Amino acid sequence: MRSVVVINSETMGRGSDELGGVLMASFLRKLAASSDRPERMLFYNAAVKLLAEGSPVLDAIEHLESSGVDLVACGTCVEYFGLKRKMKAGRIGSMDGIVADLMKTDRIVTI
C-alpha cells in the first residue's frame, strides 16, 4: 500500500479546539483538492465523527471518497459514540484491519 493517513481526532493539533476544527477542515479540503491523495484514510477515536451526519467537513470527506480514497472508521469507536446509523461516508472497519493496514503501508501520515 502506498500511503495511509491516520486521523485520530476531530481537530488538528492541541490547544484551541475551535482553531483545531478550522485547521482540520482546511487540511481535509486541501487534501480533497490535491492530486496527490492517500490510498486509504483511517479514522479512530473522535475522528469517526467526521464521517457521520452533522460533520462540518462532510463535503471534503465525500469528495475524497468519490475520488477513490478508501475511508475506514474504527468500528469500536463508531459503536462507542453511537454513530452506526449516522455514518454518511466511509466504511466501518476493525482493529485487525487497521493494524494490517498500518503494517503493510509504505508511508503513514498521522494528523
PDB file of N, CA and C in Angstrom:
ATOM      1  N   MET A   1       0.850  -1.166   0.000  1.00  0.00           N
ATOM      2  CA  MET A   1       0.000   0.000   0.000  1.00  0.00           C
ATOM      3  C   MET A   1       0.902   1.237   0.000  1.00  0.00           C
ATOM      4  N   ARG A   2       0.551   2.183  -0.800  1.00  0.00           N
ATOM      5  CA  ARG A   2       1.353   3.389  -0.982  1.00  0.00           C
ATOM      6  C   ARG A   2       1.391   4.266   0.268  1.00  0.00           C
ATOM      7  N   SER A   3       0.258   4.857   0.658  1.00  0.00           N
ATOM      8  CA  SER A   3       0.244   5.706   1.843  1.00  0.00           C
ATOM      9  C   SER A   3      -1.107   5.650   2.547  1.00  0.00           C
ATOM     10  N   VAL A   4      -1.032   5.869   3.857  1.00  0.00           N
ATOM     11  CA  VAL A   4      -2.214   5.885   4.709  1.00  0.00           C
ATOM     12  C   VAL A   4      -2.152   7.146   5.557  1.00  0.00           C
ATOM     13  N   VAL A   5      -3.277   7.839   5.655  1.00  0.00           N
ATOM     14  CA  VAL A   5      -3.395   8.975   6.563  1.00  0.00           C
ATOM     15  C   VAL A   5      -4.234   8.514   7.742  1.00  0.00           C
ATOM     16  N   VAL A   6      -3.729   8.744   8.942  1.00  0.00           N
ATOM     17  CA  VAL A   6      -4.424   8.394  10.173  1.00  0.00           C
ATOM     18  C   VAL A   6      -4.937   9.678  10.810  1.00  0.00           C
ATOM     19  N   ILE A   7      -6.229   9.711  11.088  1.00  0.00           N
ATOM     20  CA  ILE A   7      -6.828  10.854  11.770  1.00  0.00           C
ATOM     21  C   ILE A   7      -7.445  10.330  13.060  1.00  0.00           C
ATOM     22  N   ASN A   8      -7.005  10.891  14.185  1.00  0.00           N
ATOM     23  CA  ASN A   8      -7.438  10.364  15.479  1.00  0.00           C
ATOM     24  C   ASN A   8      -8.196  11.378  16.322  1.00  0.00           C
ATOM     25  N   SER A   9      -8.636  12.464  15.722  1.00  0.00           N
ATOM     26  CA  SER A   9      -9.351  13.496  16.454  1.00  0.00           C
ATOM     27  C   SER A   9     -10.206  14.303  15.490  1.00  0.00           C
ATOM     28  N   GLU A  10     -11.193  15.001  16.012  1.00  0.00           N
ATOM     29  CA  GLU A  10     -11.998  15.902  15.181  1.00  0.00           C
ATOM     30  C   GLU A  10     -11.241  17.179  14.876  1.00  0.00           C
ATOM     31  N   THR A  11     -10.191  17.435  15.633  1.00  0.00           N
ATOM     32  CA  THR A  11      -9.431  18.671  15.483  1.00  0.00           C
ATOM     33  C   THR A  11      -7.977  18.361  15.155  1.00  0.00           C
ATOM     34  N   MET A  12      -7.278  19.369  14.698  1.00  0.00           N
ATOM     35  CA  MET A  12      -5.865  19.219  14.355  1.00  0.00           C
ATOM     36  C   MET A  12      -5.035  20.002  15.375  1.00  0.00           C
ATOM     37  N   GLY A  13      -4.097  19.322  15.994  1.00  0.00           N
ATOM     38  CA  GLY A  13      -3.230  19.966  16.976  1.00  0.00           C
ATOM     39  C   GLY A  13      -3.857  20.049  18.348  1.00  0.00           C
ATOM     40  N   ARG A  14      -3.092  20.577  19.268  1.00  0.00           N
ATOM     41  CA  ARG A  14      -3.551  20.723  20.652  1.00  0.00           C
ATOM     42  C   ARG A  14      -3.606  22.197  21.002  1.00  0.00           C
ATOM     43  N   GLY A  15      -4.482  22.514  21.922  1.00  0.00           N
ATOM     44  CA  GLY A  15      -4.660  23.901  22.338  1.00  0.00           C
ATOM     45  C   GLY A  15      -6.109  24.268  22.166  1.00  0.00           C
ATOM     46  N   SER A  16      -6.385  25.144  21.244  1.00  0.00           N
ATOM     47  CA  SER A  16      -7.750  25.586  20.989  1.00  0.00           C
ATOM     48  C   SER A  16      -8.489  24.577  20.112  1.00  0.00           C
ATOM     49  N   ASP A  17      -9.598  24.027  20.620  1.00  0.00           N
ATOM     50  CA  ASP A  17     -10.410  23.111  19.809  1.00  0.00           C
ATOM     51  C   ASP A  17     -11.062  23.854  18.648  1.00  0.00           C
ATOM     52  N   GLU A  18     -11.412  25.121  18.863  1.00  0.00           N
ATOM     53  CA  GLU A  18     -12.010  25.913  17.791  1.00  0.00           C
ATOM     54  C   GLU A  18     -11.020  26.075  16.639  1.00  0.00           C
ATOM     55  N   LEU A  19      -9.801  26.462  16.953  1.00  0.00           N
ATOM     56  CA  LEU A  19      -8.759  26.588  15.927  1.00  0.00           C
ATOM     57  C   LEU A  19      -8.462  25.225  15.311  1.00  0.00           C
ATOM     58  N   GLY A  20      -8.416  24.183  16.129  1.00  0.00           N
ATOM     59  CA  GLY A  20      -8.145  22.836  15.633  1.00  0.00           C
ATOM     60  C   GLY A  20      -9.193  22.368  14.638  1.00  0.00           C
ATOM     61  N   GLY A  21     -10.449  22.740  14.862  1.00  0.00           N
ATOM     62  CA  GLY A  21     -11.517  22.403  13.919  1.00  0.00           C
ATOM     63  C   GLY A  21     -11.338  23.118  12.589  1.00  0.00           C
ATOM     64  N   VAL A  22     -10.936  24.374  12.656  1.00  0.00           N
ATOM     65  CA  VAL A  22     -10.665  25.149  11.436  1.00  0.00           C
ATOM     66  C   VAL A  22      -9.505  24.525  10.669  1.00  0.00           C
ATOM     67  N   LEU A  23      -8.455  24.147  11.388  1.00  0.00           N
ATOM     68  CA  LEU A  23      -7.291  23.534  10.750  1.00  0.00           C
ATOM     69  C   LEU A  23      -7.633  22.185  10.112  1.00  0.00           C
ATOM     70  N   MET A  24      -8.422  21.364  10.816  1.00  0.00           N
ATOM     71  CA  MET A  24      -8.807  20.061  10.263  1.00  0.00           C
ATOM     72  C   MET A  24      -9.634  20.246   9.000  1.00  0.00           C
ATOM     73  N   ALA A  25     -10.570  21.185   9.027  1.00  0.00           N
ATOM     74  CA  ALA A  25     -11.392  21.449   7.845  1.00  0.00           C
ATOM     75  C   ALA A  25     -10.522  21.888   6.679  1.00  0.00           C
ATOM     76  N   SER A  26      -9.581  22.768   6.944  1.00  0.00           N
ATOM     77  CA  SER A  26      -8.681  23.240   5.891  1.00  0.00           C
ATOM     78  C   SER A  26      -7.844  22.088   5.339  1.00  0.00           C
ATOM     79  N   PHE A  27      -7.296  21.269   6.235  1.00  0.00           N
ATOM     80  CA  PHE A  27      -6.491  20.126   5.801  1.00  0.00           C
ATOM     81  C   PHE A  27      -7.286  19.189   4.892  1.00  0.00           C
ATOM     82  N   LEU A  28      -8.480  18.808   5.341  1.00  0.00           N
ATOM     83  CA  LEU A  28      -9.282  17.853   4.566  1.00  0.00           C
ATOM     84  C   LEU A  28      -9.708  18.434   3.218  1.00  0.00           C
ATOM     85  N   ARG A  29     -10.053  19.705   3.180  1.00  0.00           N
ATOM     86  CA  ARG A  29     -10.460  20.326   1.908  1.00  0.00           C
ATOM     87  C   ARG A  29      -9.274  20.466   0.961  1.00  0.00           C
ATOM     88  N   LYS A  30      -8.103  20.808   1.483  1.00  0.00           N
ATOM     89  CA  LYS A  30      -6.896  20.901   0.642  1.00  0.00           C
ATOM     90  C   LYS A  30      -6.497  19.517   0.129  1.00  0.00           C
ATOM     91  N   LEU A  31      -6.604  18.510   0.987  1.00  0.00           N
ATOM     92  CA  LEU A  31      -6.291  17.141   0.566  1.00  0.00           C
ATOM     93  C   LEU A  31      -7.266  16.681  -0.513  1.00  0.00           C
ATOM     94  N   ALA A  32      -8.542  16.993  -0.349  1.00  0.00           N
ATOM     95  CA  ALA A  32      -9.556  16.609  -1.341  1.00  0.00           C
ATOM     96  C   ALA A  32      -9.288  17.266  -2.685  1.00  0.00           C
ATOM     97  N   ALA A  33      -8.762  18.490  -2.664  1.00  0.00           N
ATOM     98  CA  ALA A  33      -8.481  19.220  -3.903  1.00  0.00           C
ATOM     99  C   ALA A  33      -7.138  18.839  -4.523  1.00  0.00           C
ATOM    100  N   SER A  34      -6.313  18.140  -3.775  1.00  0.00           N
ATOM    101  CA  SER A  34      -4.981  17.759  -4.244  1.00  0.00           C
ATOM    102  C   SER A  34      -5.043  16.576  -5.211  1.00  0.00           C
ATOM    103  N   SER A  35      -4.075  16.530  -6.101  1.00  0.00           N
ATOM    104  CA  SER A  35      -3.990  15.372  -6.997  1.00  0.00           C
ATOM    105  C   SER A  35      -3.204  14.238  -6.337  1.00  0.00           C
ATOM    106  N   ASP A  36      -2.544  14.519  -5.234  1.00  0.00           N
ATOM    107  CA  ASP A  36      -1.756  13.520  -4.509  1.00  0.00           C
ATOM    108  C   ASP A  36      -2.507  13.131  -3.242  1.00  0.00           C
ATOM    109  N   ARG A  37      -3.330  12.111  -3.359  1.00  0.00           N
ATOM    110  CA  ARG A  37      -4.158  11.658  -2.237  1.00  0.00           C
ATOM    111  C   ARG A  37      -3.665  10.304  -1.733  1.00  0.00           C
ATOM    112  N   PRO A  38      -3.943  10.006  -0.472  1.00  0.00           N
ATOM    113  CA  PRO A  38      -3.556   8.693   0.048  1.00  0.00           C
ATOM    114  C   PRO A  38      -4.469   7.606  -0.524  1.00  0.00           C
ATOM    115  N   GLU A  39      -4.018   6.401  -0.445  1.00  0.00           N
ATOM    116  CA  GLU A  39      -4.845   5.261  -0.858  1.00  0.00           C
ATOM    117  C   GLU A  39      -5.959   5.018   0.151  1.00  0.00           C
ATOM    118  N   ARG A  40      -5.627   5.233   1.431  1.00  0.00           N
ATOM    119  CA  ARG A  40      -6.585   4.939   2.489  1.00  0.00           C
ATOM    120  C   ARG A  40      -6.437   5.964   3.612  1.00  0.00           C
ATOM    121  N   MET A  41      -7.551   6.235   4.285  1.00  0.00           N
ATOM    122  CA  MET A  41      -7.537   7.074   5.480  1.00  0.00           C
ATOM    123  C   MET A  41      -8.213   6.302   6.598  1.00  0.00           C
ATOM    124  N   LEU A  42      -7.561   6.260   7.751  1.00  0.00           N
ATOM    125  CA  LEU A  42      -8.074   5.549   8.909  1.00  0.00           C
ATOM    126  C   LEU A  42      -8.522   6.572   9.952  1.00  0.00           C
ATOM    127  N   PHE A  43      -9.743   6.420  10.431  1.00  0.00           N
ATOM    128  CA  PHE A  43     -10.312   7.331  11.417  1.00  0.00           C
ATOM    129  C   PHE A  43     -10.589   6.551  12.689  1.00  0.00           C
ATOM    130  N   TYR A  44     -10.048   7.030  13.805  1.00  0.00           N
ATOM    131  CA  TYR A  44     -10.381   6.381  15.060  1.00  0.00           C
ATOM    132  C   TYR A  44     -10.563   7.408  16.164  1.00  0.00           C
ATOM    133  N   ASN A  45     -11.047   6.935  17.304  1.00  0.00           N
ATOM    134  CA  ASN A  45     -11.467   7.761  18.411  1.00  0.00           C
ATOM    135  C   ASN A  45     -12.484   8.787  17.889  1.00  0.00           C
ATOM    136  N   ALA A  46     -12.455  10.030  18.356  1.00  0.00           N
ATOM    137  CA  ALA A  46     -13.477  11.014  17.977  1.00  0.00           C
ATOM    138  C   ALA A  46     -13.443  11.377  16.499  1.00  0.00           C
ATOM    139  N   ALA A  47     -12.400  11.020  15.789  1.00  0.00           N
ATOM    140  CA  ALA A  47     -12.312  11.328  14.351  1.00  0.00           C
ATOM    141  C   ALA A  47     -13.417  10.654  13.548  1.00  0.00           C
ATOM    142  N   VAL A  48     -13.987   9.572  14.060  1.00  0.00           N
ATOM    143  CA  VAL A  48     -15.067   8.906  13.320  1.00  0.00           C
ATOM    144  C   VAL A  48     -16.261   9.839  13.138  1.00  0.00           C
ATOM    145  N   LYS A  49     -16.385  10.835  14.003  1.00  0.00           N
ATOM    146  CA  LYS A  49     -17.476  11.807  13.884  1.00  0.00           C
ATOM    147  C   LYS A  49     -17.383  12.613  12.586  1.00  0.00           C
ATOM    148  N   LEU A  50     -16.189  12.713  12.025  1.00  0.00           N
ATOM    149  CA  LEU A  50     -16.003  13.440  10.772  1.00  0.00           C
ATOM    150  C   LEU A  50     -16.695  12.752   9.601  1.00  0.00           C
ATOM    151  N   LEU A  51     -16.983  11.454   9.738  1.00  0.00           N
ATOM    152  CA  LEU A  51     -17.627  10.671   8.688  1.00  0.00           C
ATOM    153  C   LEU A  51     -19.138  10.560   8.868  1.00  0.00           C
ATOM    154  N   ALA A  52     -19.649  11.187   9.911  1.00  0.00           N
ATOM    155  CA  ALA A  52     -21.052  10.995  10.284  1.00  0.00           C
ATOM    156  C   ALA A  52     -21.918  12.227   9.996  1.00  0.00           C
ATOM    157  N   GLU A  53     -23.201  11.981  10.050  1.00  0.00           N
ATOM    158  CA  GLU A  53     -24.201  13.033   9.908  1.00  0.00           C
ATOM    159  C   GLU A  53     -23.847  14.215  10.808  1.00  0.00           C
ATOM    160  N   GLY A  54     -23.940  15.422  10.256  1.00  0.00           N
ATOM    161  CA  GLY A  54     -23.644  16.627  11.018  1.00  0.00           C
ATOM    162  C   GLY A  54     -22.192  17.055  10.984  1.00  0.00           C
ATOM    163  N   SER A  55     -21.338  16.282  10.343  1.00  0.00           N
ATOM    164  CA  SER A  55     -19.925  16.633  10.254  1.00  0.00           C
ATOM    165  C   SER A  55     -19.762  17.937   9.465  1.00  0.00           C
ATOM    166  N   PRO A  56     -18.981  18.882   9.987  1.00  0.00           N
ATOM    167  CA  PRO A  56     -18.769  20.139   9.269  1.00  0.00           C
ATOM    168  C   PRO A  56     -17.858  19.993   8.052  1.00  0.00           C
ATOM    169  N   VAL A  57     -17.266  18.826   7.880  1.00  0.00           N
ATOM    170  CA  VAL A  57     -16.351  18.607   6.749  1.00  0.00           C
ATOM    171  C   VAL A  57     -16.835  17.489   5.826  1.00  0.00           C
ATOM    172  N   LEU A  58     -18.116  17.172   5.905  1.00  0.00           N
ATOM    173  CA  LEU A  58     -18.657  16.073   5.100  1.00  0.00           C
ATOM    174  C   LEU A  58     -18.459  16.305   3.608  1.00  0.00           C
ATOM    175  N   ASP A  59     -18.463  17.552   3.173  1.00  0.00           N
ATOM    176  CA  ASP A  59     -18.227  17.847   1.756  1.00  0.00           C
ATOM    177  C   ASP A  59     -16.857  17.343   1.314  1.00  0.00           C
ATOM    178  N   ALA A  60     -15.834  17.636   2.091  1.00  0.00           N
ATOM    179  CA  ALA A  60     -14.476  17.191   1.766  1.00  0.00           C
ATOM    180  C   ALA A  60     -14.354  15.684   1.877  1.00  0.00           C
ATOM    181  N   ILE A  61     -14.960  15.113   2.916  1.00  0.00           N
ATOM    182  CA  ILE A  61     -14.927  13.668   3.123  1.00  0.00           C
ATOM    183  C   ILE A  61     -15.569  12.944   1.940  1.00  0.00           C
ATOM    184  N   GLU A  62     -16.725  13.406   1.519  1.00  0.00           N
ATOM    185  CA  GLU A  62     -17.420  12.780   0.387  1.00  0.00           C
ATOM    186  C   GLU A  62     -16.628  12.935  -0.907  1.00  0.00           C
ATOM    187  N   HIS A  63     -15.951  14.054  -1.074  1.00  0.00           N
ATOM    188  CA  HIS A  63     -15.117  14.247  -2.269  1.00  0.00           C
ATOM    189  C   HIS A  63     -13.939  13.286  -2.264  1.00  0.00           C
ATOM    190  N   LEU A  64     -13.313  13.120  -1.109  1.00  0.00           N
ATOM    191  CA  LEU A  64     -12.207  12.158  -1.005  1.00  0.00           C
ATOM    192  C   LEU A  64     -12.683  10.750  -1.351  1.00  0.00           C
ATOM    193  N   GLU A  65     -13.825  10.375  -0.803  1.00  0.00           N
ATOM    194  CA  GLU A  65     -14.362   9.041  -1.060  1.00  0.00           C
ATOM    195  C   GLU A  65     -14.716   8.859  -2.538  1.00  0.00           C
ATOM    196  N   SER A  66     -15.352   9.852  -3.141  1.00  0.00           N
ATOM    197  CA  SER A  66     -15.746   9.725  -4.551  1.00  0.00           C
ATOM    198  C   SER A  66     -14.541   9.743  -5.488  1.00  0.00           C
ATOM    199  N   SER A  67     -13.413  10.248  -5.007  1.00  0.00           N
ATOM    200  CA  SER A  67     -12.206  10.250  -5.839  1.00  0.00           C
ATOM    201  C   SER A  67     -11.356   8.997  -5.617  1.00  0.00           C
ATOM    202  N   GLY A  68     -11.887   8.040  -4.849  1.00  0.00           N
ATOM    203  CA  GLY A  68     -11.217   6.746  -4.733  1.00  0.00           C
ATOM    204  C   GLY A  68     -10.457   6.490  -3.456  1.00  0.00           C
ATOM    205  N   VAL A  69     -10.469   7.431  -2.514  1.00  0.00           N
ATOM    206  CA  VAL A  69      -9.785   7.196  -1.242  1.00  0.00           C
ATOM    207  C   VAL A  69     -10.668   6.292  -0.384  1.00  0.00           C
ATOM    208  N   ASP A  70     -10.079   5.219   0.130  1.00  0.00           N
ATOM    209  CA  ASP A  70     -10.791   4.284   0.996  1.00  0.00           C
ATOM    210  C   ASP A  70     -10.801   4.853   2.409  1.00  0.00           C
ATOM    211  N   LEU A  71     -11.982   5.203   2.900  1.00  0.00           N
ATOM    212  CA  LEU A  71     -12.140   5.786   4.232  1.00  0.00           C
ATOM    213  C   LEU A  71     -12.618   4.701   5.191  1.00  0.00           C
ATOM    214  N   VAL A  72     -11.855   4.475   6.251  1.00  0.00           N
ATOM    215  CA  VAL A  72     -12.162   3.391   7.179  1.00  0.00           C
ATOM    216  C   VAL A  72     -12.337   3.950   8.589  1.00  0.00           C
ATOM    217  N   ALA A  73     -13.498   3.710   9.167  1.00  0.00           N
ATOM    218  CA  ALA A  73     -13.793   4.132  10.540  1.00  0.00           C
ATOM    219  C   ALA A  73     -13.626   2.956  11.485  1.00  0.00           C
ATOM    220  N   CYS A  74     -13.006   3.182  12.609  1.00  0.00           N
ATOM    221  CA  CYS A  74     -12.859   2.160  13.652  1.00  0.00           C
ATOM    222  C   CYS A  74     -14.244   1.757  14.153  1.00  0.00           C
ATOM    223  N   GLY A  75     -14.564   0.492  14.026  1.00  0.00           N
ATOM    224  CA  GLY A  75     -15.882   0.001  14.442  1.00  0.00           C
ATOM    225  C   GLY A  75     -16.154   0.173  15.928  1.00  0.00           C
ATOM    226  N   THR A  76     -15.158  -0.063  16.757  1.00  0.00           N
ATOM    227  CA  THR A  76     -15.319   0.116  18.201  1.00  0.00           C
ATOM    228  C   THR A  76     -15.648   1.576  18.516  1.00  0.00           C
ATOM    229  N   CYS A  77     -14.998   2.479  17.817  1.00  0.00           N
ATOM    230  CA  CYS A  77     -15.213   3.912  18.031  1.00  0.00           C
ATOM    231  C   CYS A  77     -16.604   4.330  17.560  1.00  0.00           C
ATOM    232  N   VAL A  78     -17.026   3.824  16.417  1.00  0.00           N
ATOM    233  CA  VAL A  78     -18.366   4.122  15.896  1.00  0.00           C
ATOM    234  C   VAL A  78     -19.418   3.667  16.908  1.00  0.00           C
ATOM    235  N   GLU A  79     -19.245   2.470  17.445  1.00  0.00           N
ATOM    236  CA  GLU A  79     -20.169   1.959  18.457  1.00  0.00           C
ATOM    237  C   GLU A  79     -20.133   2.812  19.724  1.00  0.00           C
ATOM    238  N   TYR A  80     -18.958   3.149  20.174  1.00  0.00           N
ATOM    239  CA  TYR A  80     -18.797   3.929  21.401  1.00  0.00           C
ATOM    240  C   TYR A  80     -19.551   5.257  21.326  1.00  0.00           C
ATOM    241  N   PHE A  81     -19.458   5.934  20.188  1.00  0.00           N
ATOM    242  CA  PHE A  81     -20.112   7.232  20.017  1.00  0.00           C
ATOM    243  C   PHE A  81     -21.555   7.106  19.512  1.00  0.00           C
ATOM    244  N   GLY A  82     -22.047   5.876  19.327  1.00  0.00           N
ATOM    245  CA  GLY A  82     -23.430   5.665  18.898  1.00  0.00           C
ATOM    246  C   GLY A  82     -23.719   6.197  17.505  1.00  0.00           C
ATOM    247  N   LEU A  83     -22.781   6.006  16.588  1.00  0.00           N
ATOM    248  CA  LEU A  83     -22.891   6.588  15.249  1.00  0.00           C
ATOM    249  C   LEU A  83     -23.231   5.606  14.140  1.00  0.00           C
ATOM    250  N   LYS A  84     -23.457   4.354  14.475  1.00  0.00           N
ATOM    251  CA  LYS A  84     -23.626   3.336  13.437  1.00  0.00           C
ATOM    252  C   LYS A  84     -24.674   3.718  12.389  1.00  0.00           C
ATOM    253  N   ARG A  85     -25.795   4.251  12.800  1.00  0.00           N
ATOM    254  CA  ARG A  85     -26.858   4.621  11.858  1.00  0.00           C
ATOM    255  C   ARG A  85     -26.682   6.026  11.285  1.00  0.00           C
ATOM    256  N   LYS A  86     -25.668   6.739  11.763  1.00  0.00           N
ATOM    257  CA  LYS A  86     -25.453   8.121  11.321  1.00  0.00           C
ATOM    258  C   LYS A  86     -24.268   8.271  10.378  1.00  0.00           C
ATOM    259  N   MET A  87     -23.604   7.168  10.053  1.00  0.00           N
ATOM    260  CA  MET A  87     -22.437   7.242   9.172  1.00  0.00           C
ATOM    261  C   MET A  87     -22.877   7.642   7.764  1.00  0.00           C
ATOM    262  N   LYS A  88     -22.208   8.635   7.199  1.00  0.00           N
ATOM    263  CA  LYS A  88     -22.550   9.146   5.869  1.00  0.00           C
ATOM    264  C   LYS A  88     -21.483   8.842   4.825  1.00  0.00           C
ATOM    265  N   ALA A  89     -20.310   8.468   5.266  1.00  0.00           N
ATOM    266  CA  ALA A  89     -19.214   8.187   4.327  1.00  0.00           C
ATOM    267  C   ALA A  89     -18.309   7.124   4.931  1.00  0.00           C
ATOM    268  N   GLY A  90     -17.538   6.521   4.068  1.00  0.00           N
ATOM    269  CA  GLY A  90     -16.579   5.527   4.509  1.00  0.00           C
ATOM    270  C   GLY A  90     -17.230   4.197   4.848  1.00  0.00           C
ATOM    271  N   ARG A  91     -16.406   3.333   5.403  1.00  0.00           N
ATOM    272  CA  ARG A  91     -16.882   2.018   5.815  1.00  0.00           C
ATOM    273  C   ARG A  91     -16.379   1.750   7.218  1.00  0.00           C
ATOM    274  N   ILE A  92     -17.079   0.871   7.895  1.00  0.00           N
ATOM    275  CA  ILE A  92     -16.696   0.522   9.260  1.00  0.00           C
ATOM    276  C   ILE A  92     -15.722  -0.641   9.201  1.00  0.00           C
ATOM    277  N   GLY A  93     -14.578  -0.461   9.836  1.00  0.00           N
ATOM    278  CA  GLY A  93     -13.542  -1.484   9.844  1.00  0.00           C
ATOM    279  C   GLY A  93     -13.300  -1.983  11.255  1.00  0.00           C
ATOM    280  N   SER A  94     -12.299  -2.822  11.382  1.00  0.00           N
ATOM    281  CA  SER A  94     -11.954  -3.412  12.673  1.00  0.00           C
ATOM    282  C   SER A  94     -10.520  -3.053  13.040  1.00  0.00           C
ATOM    283  N   MET A  95     -10.177  -3.265  14.296  1.00  0.00           N
ATOM    284  CA  MET A  95      -8.802  -3.013  14.722  1.00  0.00           C
ATOM    285  C   MET A  95      -7.844  -3.970  14.021  1.00  0.00           C
ATOM    286  N   ASP A  96      -8.285  -5.186  13.730  1.00  0.00           N
ATOM    287  CA  ASP A  96      -7.435  -6.113  12.967  1.00  0.00           C
ATOM    288  C   ASP A  96      -7.082  -5.506  11.609  1.00  0.00           C
ATOM    289  N   GLY A  97      -8.075  -4.926  10.954  1.00  0.00           N
ATOM    290  CA  GLY A  97      -7.838  -4.296   9.653  1.00  0.00           C
ATOM    291  C   GLY A  97      -6.950  -3.082   9.756  1.00  0.00           C
ATOM    292  N   ILE A  98      -7.142  -2.283  10.798  1.00  0.00           N
ATOM    293  CA  ILE A  98      -6.305  -1.105  10.993  1.00  0.00           C
ATOM    294  C   ILE A  98      -4.854  -1.510  11.205  1.00  0.00           C
ATOM    295  N   VAL A  99      -4.628  -2.511  12.052  1.00  0.00           N
ATOM    296  CA  VAL A  99      -3.266  -2.997  12.297  1.00  0.00           C
ATOM    297  C   VAL A  99      -2.651  -3.508  11.000  1.00  0.00           C
ATOM    298  N   ALA A 100      -3.394  -4.293  10.243  1.00  0.00           N
ATOM    299  CA  ALA A 100      -2.874  -4.834   8.971  1.00  0.00           C
ATOM    300  C   ALA A 100      -2.521  -3.708   8.011  1.00  0.00           C
ATOM    301  N   ASP A 101      -3.385  -2.704   7.898  1.00  0.00           N
ATOM    302  CA  ASP A 101      -3.111  -1.582   7.007  1.00  0.00           C
ATOM    303  C   ASP A 101      -1.845  -0.838   7.415  1.00  0.00           C
ATOM    304  N   LEU A 102      -1.702  -0.587   8.705  1.00  0.00           N
ATOM    305  CA  LEU A 102      -0.531   0.154   9.178  1.00  0.00           C
ATOM    306  C   LEU A 102       0.762  -0.621   8.964  1.00  0.00           C
ATOM    307  N   MET A 103       0.699  -1.945   9.083  1.00  0.00           N
ATOM    308  CA  MET A 103       1.913  -2.743   8.960  1.00  0.00           C
ATOM    309  C   MET A 103       2.349  -2.970   7.519  1.00  0.00           C
ATOM    310  N   LYS A 104       1.423  -2.796   6.565  1.00  0.00           N
ATOM    311  CA  LYS A 104       1.805  -3.062   5.168  1.00  0.00           C
ATOM    312  C   LYS A 104       1.928  -1.805   4.306  1.00  0.00           C
ATOM    313  N   THR A 105       1.821  -0.640   4.921  1.00  0.00           N
ATOM    314  CA  THR A 105       1.910   0.588   4.138  1.00  0.00           C
ATOM    315  C   THR A 105       3.345   1.093   4.038  1.00  0.00           C
ATOM    316  N   ASP A 106       3.610   1.834   2.986  1.00  0.00           N
ATOM    317  CA  ASP A 106       4.930   2.412   2.779  1.00  0.00           C
ATOM    318  C   ASP A 106       5.107   3.698   3.581  1.00  0.00           C
ATOM    319  N   ARG A 107       4.009   4.451   3.737  1.00  0.00           N
ATOM    320  CA  ARG A 107       4.101   5.756   4.408  1.00  0.00           C
ATOM    321  C   ARG A 107       2.829   5.987   5.222  1.00  0.00           C
ATOM    322  N   ILE A 108       3.034   6.334   6.502  1.00  0.00           N
ATOM    323  CA  ILE A 108       1.921   6.648   7.397  1.00  0.00           C
ATOM    324  C   ILE A 108       2.042   8.115   7.798  1.00  0.00           C
ATOM    325  N   VAL A 109       0.959   8.852   7.592  1.00  0.00           N
ATOM    326  CA  VAL A 109       0.912  10.251   7.995  1.00  0.00           C
ATOM    327  C   VAL A 109      -0.179  10.346   9.059  1.00  0.00           C
ATOM    328  N   THR A 110       0.188  10.790  10.251  1.00  0.00           N
ATOM    329  CA  THR A 110      -0.774  10.916  11.341  1.00  0.00           C
ATOM    330  C   THR A 110      -1.102  12.389  11.550  1.00  0.00           C
ATOM    331  N   ILE A 111      -2.389  12.672  11.559  1.00  0.00           N
ATOM    332  CA  ILE A 111      -2.867  14.049  11.751  1.00  0.00           C
ATOM    333  C   ILE A 111      -3.446  14.166  13.149  1.00  0.00           C
TER     334      ILE A 111
END
